[in-house]
Amino acid sequence: MSSIPWPFPELRDQLSSVKTRAGNRVQSWARKRQGSDPSTTRLRPSRVYILPTGVGIIFGFMAFAMLLGSMNYNNSLSFVLTFLLAGIGFVSMHQCQRNLVGLELTFAGADPVFAGQAIRFRIAVTNQSKSARYGIRLHATDTSSDTHDLAPGESKVFVLPVPTSKRGQIGLERFGVRTLFPFEIFRSWAWLHMDISGLVYPAPATDAPQPPPTMVAHGHRQHDARGEEDFAGLRKYHEGDSPRHVAWKAYARSGQLLSKQFAGADTSSQWFDFGAIASNDVEKRLSILTRWIVDADRTLEDYGLRVPGNEFAPAHGEVHRRKCLETLALFEDGQSS
């Protein structure tokens, strides 16, 4: 007996395609209807949508069936139970939408990550009303935050982890806030379209060659990680200076942050040059530079960076590291030509 092709895989693919197209059209309609949102948005009643869940649809059918049975048998107690359940449904619908109305959402930043890691968008949700809000959750495509309750006047930061695969700016064009409170028979939600983004650094290369040889400069300032035998005086504190070199006694006297200077010692530094890497692959070069920067920062070495259009003198510290990695993250392929 010949086998007959099973039609359901094709039907499943067709249904998935229809669902995707319908979802895209709904998203486009919502964006045109609402427009772009500012970084701080307060939810109005017209922004909040509501529909029954699967449980809610079954609940409605059961209440309708009970109504038909009550009418058929003319049973007063059955009528009471039916109208009680219907009343619970209407109250649940009202409370579910009310649970979101008036919430204030503010973009609270996103720390840079390396490609391949999830970037965590922080959204602060504030309940400025006099009633508590329950079961609040943020969601976006293929990701969602934890569920939180908000007391009156309380603000909490919700985190949306978004996976990354390449360097550069990654935007969160659309995210939603939703709730199933109180009985999970209705789902209420709102979409927000904020112009928010985070920065993704190149992924550090796992097979990077050794960095260029260290260059030694005599008589320059000494690195924070080395000895302190040649004290040269005090200078103004700069962000990135080691806490070990802060003149705390001088701070106690004057209230001004000062850092100790040391001179007469040798300072080693390295130059990481984009053009000196033997590869025609731009992304591979950037990954190798990222690996060198991460390793040098871990060992507290001074390093400089040269890429087409930018040059950073040898230094160390969090500020220097951030500037170098940001330059690599935003590097355009056309710059290397």
Protein backbone atom coordinates (compact mmCIF):
# COMPACT_ATOMS: atom_id res chain seq x y z
CA MET A 1 0.00 0.00 0.00
CA SER A 2 1.51 3.31 -1.08
CA SER A 3 2.08 5.93 1.57
CA ILE A 4 -0.04 9.08 1.42
CA PRO A 5 1.70 12.36 2.20
CA TRP A 6 0.50 13.79 5.52
CA PRO A 7 -0.94 17.27 4.89
CA PHE A 8 -0.56 18.68 8.40
CA PRO A 9 3.09 19.89 8.14
CA GLU A 10 2.18 22.06 5.15
CA LEU A 11 -0.94 23.28 6.92
CA ARG A 12 1.12 24.10 9.99
CA ASP A 13 3.60 26.12 7.92
CA GLN A 14 0.77 27.99 6.21
CA LEU A 15 -0.86 28.82 9.54
CA SER A 16 2.48 30.02 10.91
CA SER A 17 3.00 32.24 7.86
CA VAL A 18 -0.51 33.69 8.19
CA LYS A 19 0.07 34.33 11.89
CA THR A 20 3.37 36.11 11.17
CA ARG A 21 1.83 38.34 8.48
CA ALA A 22 -1.14 39.15 10.70
CA GLY A 23 1.18 39.99 13.59
CA ASN A 24 3.27 42.31 11.41
CA ARG A 25 0.16 44.11 10.19
CA VAL A 26 -1.13 44.54 13.73
CA GLN A 27 2.26 45.91 14.82
CA SER A 28 2.31 48.34 11.89
CA TRP A 29 -1.23 49.47 12.69
CA ALA A 30 -0.40 49.98 16.38
CA ARG A 31 2.72 51.98 15.50
CA LYS A 32 0.77 54.27 13.14
CA ARG A 33 -2.03 54.68 15.65
CA GLN A 34 0.21 55.48 18.64
CA GLY A 35 3.30 56.98 17.02
CA SER A 36 6.65 57.10 18.81
CA ASP A 37 6.70 57.34 22.59
CA PRO A 38 9.00 59.55 24.70
CA SER A 39 11.49 57.95 27.07
CA THR A 40 8.94 58.44 29.87
CA THR A 41 5.38 57.38 28.97
CA ARG A 42 2.24 57.26 31.07
CA LEU A 43 -0.38 54.72 30.01
CA ARG A 44 -3.78 56.20 29.17
CA PRO A 45 -6.97 54.07 28.98
CA SER A 46 -6.99 54.33 25.18
CA ARG A 47 -3.52 52.70 25.05
CA VAL A 48 -4.55 49.58 26.97
CA TYR A 49 -6.02 46.62 25.07
CA ILE A 50 -7.86 43.67 26.59
CA LEU A 51 -8.99 40.24 25.36
CA PRO A 52 -10.10 37.03 27.08
CA THR A 53 -7.50 34.31 27.57
CA GLY A 54 -8.10 30.65 26.69
CA VAL A 55 -9.29 30.11 30.24
CA GLY A 56 -11.57 33.11 29.91
CA ILE A 57 -13.17 31.76 26.71
CA ILE A 58 -13.90 28.44 28.43
CA PHE A 59 -15.23 30.36 31.43
CA GLY A 60 -17.59 32.29 29.15
CA PHE A 61 -18.87 29.12 27.43
CA MET A 62 -19.48 27.46 30.79
CA ALA A 63 -21.40 30.48 32.08
CA PHE A 64 -23.50 30.51 28.89
CA ALA A 65 -24.19 26.77 29.18
CA MET A 66 -25.25 27.24 32.80
CA LEU A 67 -27.59 30.03 31.71
CA LEU A 68 -29.24 27.73 29.16
CA GLY A 69 -29.59 24.98 31.79
CA SER A 70 -31.08 27.42 34.29
CA MET A 71 -33.64 28.62 31.75
CA ASN A 72 -34.51 25.05 30.74
CA TYR A 73 -35.06 23.81 34.29
CA ASN A 74 -36.20 27.16 35.73
CA ASN A 75 -33.90 26.63 38.72
CA SER A 76 -33.49 29.74 40.88
CA LEU A 77 -30.25 28.62 42.56
CA SER A 78 -28.76 27.86 39.18
CA PHE A 79 -29.70 31.37 38.02
CA VAL A 80 -27.99 32.85 41.09
CA LEU A 81 -24.79 30.91 40.45
CA THR A 82 -24.81 31.83 36.74
CA PHE A 83 -25.26 35.55 37.37
CA LEU A 84 -22.62 35.41 40.13
CA LEU A 85 -20.10 33.93 37.69
CA ALA A 86 -21.06 36.49 35.03
CA GLY A 87 -20.58 39.29 37.56
CA ILE A 88 -17.14 37.93 38.48
CA GLY A 89 -16.25 37.95 34.77
CA PHE A 90 -17.27 41.59 34.28
CA VAL A 91 -15.46 42.72 37.44
CA SER A 92 -12.37 40.80 36.34
CA MET A 93 -12.44 42.51 32.94
CA HIS A 94 -12.64 45.97 34.55
CA GLN A 95 -9.91 45.27 37.09
CA CYS A 96 -7.59 43.73 34.51
CA GLN A 97 -7.55 46.87 32.36
CA ARG A 98 -7.45 49.19 35.38
CA ASN A 99 -4.35 47.33 36.60
CA LEU A 100 -2.30 48.95 33.80
CA VAL A 101 -3.91 52.35 33.35
CA GLY A 102 -1.82 55.15 34.85
CA LEU A 103 1.46 53.24 35.05
CA GLU A 104 4.51 55.31 34.09
CA LEU A 105 7.30 53.61 32.16
CA THR A 106 10.79 55.12 31.82
CA PHE A 107 13.85 53.83 30.00
CA ALA A 108 16.58 53.34 32.63
CA GLY A 109 19.51 52.40 30.39
CA ALA A 110 21.31 49.31 29.10
CA ASP A 111 24.92 48.42 29.94
CA PRO A 112 27.18 47.54 26.98
CA VAL A 113 27.85 43.84 26.37
CA PHE A 114 29.98 41.76 24.02
CA ALA A 115 28.40 40.22 20.93
CA GLY A 116 26.83 36.89 21.82
CA GLN A 117 25.76 38.06 25.27
CA ALA A 118 22.26 39.24 26.13
CA ILE A 119 21.92 42.98 26.52
CA ARG A 120 19.69 43.89 29.45
CA PHE A 121 17.35 46.79 28.80
CA ARG A 122 16.16 48.34 32.07
CA ILE A 123 12.67 49.82 32.19
CA ALA A 124 11.50 51.58 35.36
CA VAL A 125 7.78 51.13 36.03
CA THR A 126 6.21 53.52 38.53
CA ASN A 127 2.80 53.21 40.17
CA GLN A 128 1.76 56.74 41.07
CA SER A 129 -1.80 55.78 42.02
CA LYS A 130 -3.17 55.07 45.49
CA SER A 131 -3.96 51.42 44.72
CA ALA A 132 -1.54 48.52 44.32
CA ARG A 133 -0.88 46.92 40.94
CA TYR A 134 -0.39 43.17 40.67
CA GLY A 135 1.21 40.75 38.24
CA ILE A 136 2.93 43.33 36.00
CA ARG A 137 5.26 41.94 33.35
CA LEU A 138 7.18 43.38 30.40
CA HIS A 139 7.71 41.45 27.19
CA ALA A 140 9.22 41.78 23.73
CA THR A 141 9.92 39.41 20.86
CA ASP A 142 11.15 36.08 22.34
CA THR A 143 11.89 37.60 25.73
CA SER A 144 10.13 38.75 28.89
CA SER A 145 10.90 40.13 32.32
CA ASP A 146 10.06 38.77 35.74
CA THR A 147 6.60 39.45 37.14
CA HIS A 148 6.35 42.08 39.89
CA ASP A 149 3.73 43.72 42.08
CA LEU A 150 3.81 47.47 42.68
CA ALA A 151 2.65 49.07 45.90
CA PRO A 152 1.12 52.58 45.79
CA GLY A 153 3.85 55.08 44.87
CA GLU A 154 6.40 52.31 44.30
CA SER A 155 8.80 52.12 41.36
CA LYS A 156 10.64 49.00 40.21
CA VAL A 157 13.13 48.33 37.43
CA PHE A 158 12.14 45.57 35.03
CA VAL A 159 14.86 43.92 32.94
CA LEU A 160 14.33 42.74 29.36
CA PRO A 161 17.24 40.52 28.22
CA VAL A 162 17.66 40.67 24.43
CA PRO A 163 20.10 38.25 22.74
CA THR A 164 22.78 39.75 20.47
CA SER A 165 24.77 38.29 17.60
CA LYS A 166 26.75 41.22 16.18
CA ARG A 167 28.40 44.44 17.31
CA GLY A 168 26.98 47.96 17.04
CA GLN A 169 23.88 49.69 18.28
CA ILE A 170 20.93 47.40 18.99
CA GLY A 171 17.52 48.99 19.36
CA LEU A 172 14.44 47.90 21.24
CA GLU A 173 11.86 49.24 18.82
CA ARG A 174 8.84 47.81 20.59
CA PHE A 175 8.03 46.23 23.93
CA GLY A 176 4.85 45.61 25.85
CA VAL A 177 3.53 45.59 29.39
CA ARG A 178 0.83 43.10 30.31
CA THR A 179 -1.10 41.58 33.19
CA LEU A 180 -3.47 38.67 33.83
CA PHE A 181 -4.70 39.96 37.18
CA PRO A 182 -7.02 39.13 38.89
CA PHE A 183 -8.21 35.67 37.75
CA GLU A 184 -6.29 35.13 34.48
CA ILE A 185 -9.47 35.02 32.46
CA PHE A 186 -8.58 38.30 30.72
CA ARG A 187 -5.26 39.56 29.39
CA SER A 188 -4.62 43.29 29.31
CA TRP A 189 -1.62 44.80 27.54
CA ALA A 190 -0.14 47.94 26.01
CA TRP A 191 2.57 48.43 23.37
CA LEU A 192 5.28 51.08 23.64
CA HIS A 193 7.53 52.33 20.83
CA MET A 194 10.42 54.16 22.49
CA ASP A 195 13.55 55.19 20.62
CA ILE A 196 15.94 53.28 22.91
CA SER A 197 19.09 51.32 22.15
CA GLY A 198 22.17 49.75 23.70
CA LEU A 199 25.76 49.21 22.60
CA VAL A 200 27.26 45.84 21.69
CA TYR A 201 31.05 45.45 21.62
CA PRO A 202 32.75 43.01 19.24
CA ALA A 203 33.15 39.53 20.69
CA PRO A 204 36.73 38.97 21.96
CA ALA A 205 38.57 36.57 19.65
CA THR A 206 39.22 33.13 21.11
CA ASP A 207 42.23 32.48 18.82
CA ALA A 208 43.86 35.92 18.85
CA PRO A 209 47.64 36.10 18.19
CA GLN A 210 49.97 37.59 20.75
CA PRO A 211 49.76 41.41 21.01
CA PRO A 212 52.68 43.54 19.78
CA PRO A 213 55.76 43.80 22.00
CA THR A 214 55.56 46.14 24.97
CA MET A 215 57.24 49.51 24.54
CA VAL A 216 59.00 51.00 27.60
CA ALA A 217 59.09 54.77 28.17
CA HIS A 218 61.59 56.00 30.82
CA GLY A 219 60.77 58.64 33.39
CA HIS A 220 57.02 58.84 32.72
CA ARG A 221 54.25 58.42 35.24
CA GLN A 222 54.19 55.07 36.92
CA HIS A 223 51.37 52.61 36.47
CA ASP A 224 48.95 52.15 39.35
CA ALA A 225 49.84 48.49 39.67
CA ARG A 226 53.58 49.10 40.22
CA GLY A 227 55.64 50.36 43.17
CA GLU A 228 55.37 53.69 44.87
CA GLU A 229 59.00 54.40 45.77
CA ASP A 230 59.27 57.71 43.82
CA PHE A 231 56.56 60.02 45.17
CA ALA A 232 56.34 63.16 43.02
CA GLY A 233 53.41 65.08 44.54
CA LEU A 234 49.65 65.40 44.24
CA ARG A 235 47.35 66.16 41.33
CA LYS A 236 43.60 66.42 40.80
CA TYR A 237 41.76 63.11 40.87
CA HIS A 238 40.70 61.79 37.45
CA GLU A 239 38.02 59.18 36.85
CA GLY A 240 39.71 55.79 36.47
CA ASP A 241 42.51 56.47 38.99
CA SER A 242 43.20 53.65 41.40
CA PRO A 243 41.62 54.11 44.85
CA ARG A 244 44.98 53.07 46.32
CA HIS A 245 46.53 56.28 45.01
CA VAL A 246 43.90 58.64 46.42
CA ALA A 247 45.34 60.98 49.06
CA TRP A 248 42.75 60.30 51.72
CA LYS A 249 44.46 62.39 54.41
CA ALA A 250 44.49 65.40 52.09
CA TYR A 251 40.83 64.74 51.30
CA ALA A 252 39.98 64.71 55.03
CA ARG A 253 41.66 68.12 55.44
CA SER A 254 40.43 69.93 52.33
CA GLY A 255 37.47 67.91 51.08
CA GLN A 256 39.06 67.76 47.58
CA LEU A 257 39.92 64.45 45.91
CA LEU A 258 43.62 64.31 44.97
CA SER A 259 45.75 61.50 43.56
CA LYS A 260 49.37 60.74 44.36
CA GLN A 261 51.88 61.04 41.52
CA PHE A 262 54.98 58.89 41.15
CA ALA A 263 57.86 59.66 38.80
CA GLY A 264 61.26 58.37 37.80
CA ALA A 265 60.05 54.83 37.08
CA ASP A 266 59.71 53.01 33.79
CA THR A 267 56.22 52.84 32.27
CA SER A 268 55.38 50.07 29.82
CA SER A 269 52.69 50.60 27.21
CA GLN A 270 51.39 48.87 24.11
CA TRP A 271 49.91 50.11 20.85
CA PHE A 272 47.08 48.05 19.36
CA ASP A 273 46.99 48.94 15.67
CA PHE A 274 44.12 47.94 13.36
CA GLY A 275 46.38 48.15 10.30
CA ALA A 276 49.09 45.94 11.77
CA ILE A 277 46.86 42.85 12.06
CA ALA A 278 47.46 40.37 9.24
CA SER A 279 43.89 39.72 8.15
CA ASN A 280 41.52 41.00 5.45
CA ASP A 281 38.46 40.31 7.61
CA VAL A 282 37.39 43.53 9.32
CA GLU A 283 35.31 41.76 11.96
CA LYS A 284 38.19 39.43 12.82
CA ARG A 285 40.53 42.40 13.26
CA LEU A 286 38.04 44.08 15.58
CA SER A 287 37.64 40.87 17.59
CA ILE A 288 41.41 40.55 17.98
CA LEU A 289 41.71 44.18 19.11
CA THR A 290 38.89 43.58 21.59
CA ARG A 291 40.71 40.56 23.03
CA TRP A 292 43.94 42.53 23.42
CA ILE A 293 42.10 45.40 25.16
CA VAL A 294 40.27 43.07 27.55
CA ASP A 295 43.48 41.22 28.47
CA ALA A 296 45.51 44.43 28.92
CA ASP A 297 42.79 45.95 31.08
CA ARG A 298 42.69 42.84 33.24
CA THR A 299 46.45 43.06 33.91
CA LEU A 300 46.36 46.86 34.38
CA GLU A 301 48.70 47.54 31.46
CA ASP A 302 48.77 50.86 29.62
CA TYR A 303 47.68 50.48 26.01
CA GLY A 304 46.88 52.71 23.06
CA LEU A 305 44.55 52.07 20.13
CA ARG A 306 44.87 53.02 16.48
CA VAL A 307 42.02 52.48 14.05
CA PRO A 308 41.31 54.40 10.84
CA GLY A 309 39.92 57.76 11.88
CA ASN A 310 40.67 57.43 15.61
CA GLU A 311 43.67 57.19 17.89
CA PHE A 312 43.80 56.90 21.68
CA ALA A 313 47.09 57.46 23.51
CA PRO A 314 48.28 54.77 25.93
CA ALA A 315 46.34 54.86 29.19
CA HIS A 316 44.37 52.54 31.44
CA GLY A 317 41.22 52.50 33.51
CA GLU A 318 37.50 52.05 32.94
CA VAL A 319 37.00 55.29 31.00
CA HIS A 320 39.82 54.49 28.55
CA ARG A 321 38.59 50.93 28.14
CA ARG A 322 35.04 52.11 27.44
CA LYS A 323 36.18 54.65 24.83
CA CYS A 324 38.28 52.09 22.97
CA LEU A 325 35.63 49.38 22.95
CA GLU A 326 32.94 51.87 21.91
CA THR A 327 35.10 52.92 18.96
CA LEU A 328 35.44 49.28 17.89
CA ALA A 329 31.70 48.68 18.32
CA LEU A 330 30.76 51.61 16.08
CA PHE A 331 33.53 51.06 13.51
CA GLU A 332 32.25 51.20 9.94
CA ASP A 333 33.67 48.92 7.28
CA GLY A 334 34.22 51.86 4.92
CA GLN A 335 36.72 53.42 7.36
CA SER A 336 39.27 50.68 6.70
CA SER A 337 39.50 51.31 2.98
